[in-house]
C-alpha atoms as a PDB file:
ATOM      1  CA  MET A   1      35.360  25.126  -8.891  1.00  0.00           C
ATOM      2  CA  LEU A   2      32.602  25.615  -6.320  1.00  0.00           C
ATOM      3  CA  GLY A   3      29.992  24.919  -9.032  1.00  0.00           C
ATOM      4  CA  THR A   4      31.636  21.619  -9.877  1.00  0.00           C
ATOM      5  CA  VAL A   5      31.722  20.590  -6.232  1.00  0.00           C
ATOM      6  CA  LEU A   6      28.053  21.499  -5.796  1.00  0.00           C
ATOM      7  CA  ALA A   7      27.083  19.593  -8.931  1.00  0.00           C
ATOM      8  CA  LEU A   8      28.977  16.508  -7.805  1.00  0.00           C
ATOM      9  CA  THR A   9      27.442  16.737  -4.358  1.00  0.00           C
ATOM     10  CA  ALA A  10      23.949  17.015  -5.829  1.00  0.00           C
ATOM     11  CA  CYS A  11      24.527  13.927  -7.992  1.00  0.00           C
ATOM     12  CA  ALA A  12      25.956  11.992  -5.088  1.00  0.00           C
ATOM     13  CA  SER A  13      22.967  12.774  -2.870  1.00  0.00           C
ATOM     14  CA  THR A  14      20.364  11.618  -5.399  1.00  0.00           C
ATOM     15  CA  PRO A  15      19.406   8.031  -4.628  1.00  0.00           C
ATOM     16  CA  PRO A  16      19.550   5.578  -7.514  1.00  0.00           C
ATOM     17  CA  PRO A  17      16.172   5.010  -9.170  1.00  0.00           C
ATOM     18  CA  THR A  18      16.075   1.296  -8.440  1.00  0.00           C
ATOM     19  CA  ALA A  19      12.390   1.391  -7.461  1.00  0.00           C
ATOM     20  CA  GLU A  20      11.489   3.186 -10.676  1.00  0.00           C
ATOM     21  CA  LEU A  21      13.485   0.713 -12.764  1.00  0.00           C
ATOM     22  CA  SER A  22      11.844  -2.207 -11.015  1.00  0.00           C
ATOM     23  CA  ALA A  23       8.384  -0.693 -11.508  1.00  0.00           C
ATOM     24  CA  ALA A  24       9.120  -0.141 -15.194  1.00  0.00           C
ATOM     25  CA  GLN A  25      10.326  -3.734 -15.635  1.00  0.00           C
ATOM     26  CA  GLN A  26       7.186  -5.036 -13.946  1.00  0.00           C
ATOM     27  CA  ALA A  27       4.943  -2.787 -16.059  1.00  0.00           C
ATOM     28  CA  VAL A  28       6.576  -4.000 -19.268  1.00  0.00           C
ATOM     29  CA  ALA A  29       6.156  -7.612 -18.121  1.00  0.00           C
ATOM     30  CA  ARG A  30       2.472  -7.014 -17.294  1.00  0.00           C
ATOM     31  CA  ALA A  31       1.908  -5.476 -20.725  1.00  0.00           C
ATOM     32  CA  ALA A  32       3.577  -8.427 -22.419  1.00  0.00           C
ATOM     33  CA  ASP A  33       1.461 -10.828 -20.350  1.00  0.00           C
ATOM     34  CA  ALA A  34      -1.648  -8.952 -21.537  1.00  0.00           C
ATOM     35  CA  ASP A  35      -0.726  -9.723 -25.173  1.00  0.00           C
ATOM     36  CA  ALA A  36       0.377  -6.174 -25.911  1.00  0.00           C
ATOM     37  CA  ASP A  37       2.758  -7.635 -28.506  1.00  0.00           C
ATOM     38  CA  GLN A  38      -0.344  -8.426 -30.521  1.00  0.00           C
ATOM     39  CA  TYR A  39      -2.726  -5.611 -29.599  1.00  0.00           C
ATOM     40  CA  ALA A  40      -0.451  -2.639 -28.789  1.00  0.00           C
ATOM     41  CA  PRO A  41       2.931  -3.428 -30.352  1.00  0.00           C
ATOM     42  CA  ALA A  42       4.010   0.190 -30.925  1.00  0.00           C
ATOM     43  CA  GLU A  43       3.415   1.134 -27.306  1.00  0.00           C
ATOM     44  CA  LEU A  44       5.105  -1.991 -25.988  1.00  0.00           C
ATOM     45  CA  ASP A  45       8.119  -1.406 -28.231  1.00  0.00           C
ATOM     46  CA  GLN A  46       8.323   2.180 -27.003  1.00  0.00           C
ATOM     47  CA  ALA A  47       8.118   1.051 -23.377  1.00  0.00           C
ATOM     48  CA  ARG A  48      10.885  -1.477 -23.946  1.00  0.00           C
ATOM     49  CA  ALA A  49      13.060   1.159 -25.629  1.00  0.00           C
ATOM     50  CA  LEU A  50      12.513   3.575 -22.734  1.00  0.00           C
ATOM     51  CA  LEU A  51      13.354   0.842 -20.238  1.00  0.00           C
ATOM     52  CA  SER A  52      16.549   0.128 -22.151  1.00  0.00           C
ATOM     53  CA  GLN A  53      17.388   3.847 -22.088  1.00  0.00           C
ATOM     54  CA  ALA A  54      16.770   3.910 -18.355  1.00  0.00           C
ATOM     55  CA  GLN A  55      19.067   0.948 -17.791  1.00  0.00           C
ATOM     56  CA  SER A  56      21.769   2.501 -19.976  1.00  0.00           C
ATOM     57  CA  ALA A  57      21.486   5.820 -18.172  1.00  0.00           C
ATOM     58  CA  MET A  58      21.718   4.039 -14.831  1.00  0.00           C
ATOM     59  CA  SER A  59      24.844   2.201 -15.979  1.00  0.00           C
ATOM     60  CA  GLY A  60      26.288   5.488 -17.190  1.00  0.00           C
ATOM     61  CA  GLY A  61      25.683   7.162 -13.851  1.00  0.00           C
ATOM     62  CA  SER A  62      22.933   9.513 -15.021  1.00  0.00           C
ATOM     63  CA  GLN A  63      20.393   8.841 -12.332  1.00  0.00           C
ATOM     64  CA  ARG A  64      18.090  11.706 -13.303  1.00  0.00           C
ATOM     65  CA  ASP A  65      17.870  10.454 -16.906  1.00  0.00           C
ATOM     66  CA  ALA A  66      17.440   6.907 -15.663  1.00  0.00           C
ATOM     67  CA  ARG A  67      14.582   7.934 -13.389  1.00  0.00           C
ATOM     68  CA  THR A  68      12.868   9.956 -16.121  1.00  0.00           C
ATOM     69  CA  ALA A  69      13.128   7.157 -18.676  1.00  0.00           C
ATOM     70  CA  ALA A  70      11.995   4.519 -16.169  1.00  0.00           C
ATOM     71  CA  VAL A  71       8.908   6.501 -15.179  1.00  0.00           C
ATOM     72  CA  ALA A  72       8.094   7.081 -18.854  1.00  0.00           C
ATOM     73  CA  ALA A  73       8.621   3.380 -19.623  1.00  0.00           C
ATOM     74  CA  ALA A  74       6.198   2.380 -16.879  1.00  0.00           C
ATOM     75  CA  ALA A  75       3.579   4.850 -18.107  1.00  0.00           C
ATOM     76  CA  VAL A  76       3.833   3.707 -21.726  1.00  0.00           C
ATOM     77  CA  ALA A  77       3.776   0.051 -20.669  1.00  0.00           C
ATOM     78  CA  ASP A  78       0.625   0.706 -18.637  1.00  0.00           C
ATOM     79  CA  LEU A  79      -0.907   2.331 -21.716  1.00  0.00           C
ATOM     80  CA  ALA A  80       0.041  -0.710 -23.819  1.00  0.00           C
ATOM     81  CA  ARG A  81      -1.554  -3.000 -21.258  1.00  0.00           C
ATOM     82  CA  ALA A  82      -4.735  -0.920 -21.173  1.00  0.00           C
ATOM     83  CA  ARG A  83      -4.993  -0.829 -24.968  1.00  0.00           C
ATOM     84  CA  SER A  84      -4.424  -4.556 -25.121  1.00  0.00           C
ATOM     85  CA  ARG A  85      -7.105  -5.229 -22.528  1.00  0.00           C
ATOM     86  CA  GLU A  86      -9.467  -2.930 -24.423  1.00  0.00           C
ATOM     87  CA  ALA A  87      -8.844  -4.808 -27.671  1.00  0.00           C
ATOM     88  CA  VAL A  88      -9.476  -8.151 -25.978  1.00  0.00           C
ATOM     89  CA  ALA A  89     -12.693  -6.830 -24.421  1.00  0.00           C
ATOM     90  CA  ASN A  90     -13.871  -5.458 -27.772  1.00  0.00           C
ATOM     91  CA  THR A  91     -13.174  -8.812 -29.433  1.00  0.00           C
ATOM     92  CA  GLU A  92     -15.112 -10.646 -26.738  1.00  0.00           C
ATOM     93  CA  LEU A  93     -17.972  -8.152 -27.055  1.00  0.00           C
ATOM     94  CA  ALA A  94     -18.137  -8.677 -30.824  1.00  0.00           C
ATOM     95  CA  GLN A  95     -18.214 -12.451 -30.299  1.00  0.00           C
ATOM     96  CA  ARG A  96     -21.035 -12.168 -27.750  1.00  0.00           C
ATOM     97  CA  ARG A  97     -23.034  -9.907 -30.063  1.00  0.00           C
ATOM     98  CA  ALA A  98     -22.604 -12.372 -32.923  1.00  0.00           C
ATOM     99  CA  GLN A  99     -23.722 -15.186 -30.640  1.00  0.00           C
ATOM    100  CA  ILE A 100     -26.808 -13.205 -29.612  1.00  0.00           C
ATOM    101  CA  SER A 101     -27.644 -12.539 -33.256  1.00  0.00           C
ATOM    102  CA  ARG A 102     -27.367 -16.251 -34.073  1.00  0.00           C
ATOM    103  CA  LEU A 103     -29.595 -17.141 -31.132  1.00  0.00           C
ATOM    104  CA  ARG A 104     -32.185 -14.567 -32.174  1.00  0.00           C
ATOM    105  CA  GLU A 105     -32.210 -15.996 -35.673  1.00  0.00           C
ATOM    106  CA  GLN A 106     -32.682 -19.499 -34.284  1.00  0.00           C
ATOM    107  CA  LEU A 107     -35.599 -18.326 -32.174  1.00  0.00           C
ATOM    108  CA  LYS A 108     -37.282 -16.800 -35.241  1.00  0.00           C
ATOM    109  CA  MET A 109     -36.908 -20.021 -37.171  1.00  0.00           C
ATOM    110  CA  GLU A 110     -38.362 -22.340 -34.505  1.00  0.00           C
ATOM    111  CA  PRO A 111     -42.120 -23.055 -34.748  1.00  0.00           C
END
């Protein structure tokens, strides 16, 4: 009986992870804005699934699970955003290198 009371007290004293959920939602939105759907779809899907788990856990009263899933969702969303930004940068770099090659060829051809 005492164990049950202590467990309930511990759950009641843990604040809801609203900040973590908000941070996770913002991280997923930032990743989507960075075109992660195109460049890091697996990571973005995982982040969205973790965010959904966090929201479900929060609704079910499991604040610890909600917090854990929300923190994980934010981390995976940040990874998706970083991978997306890397892919965009690599594409831009390849375009610039191709442009430089074309310009070099033009310079060779001019008298």
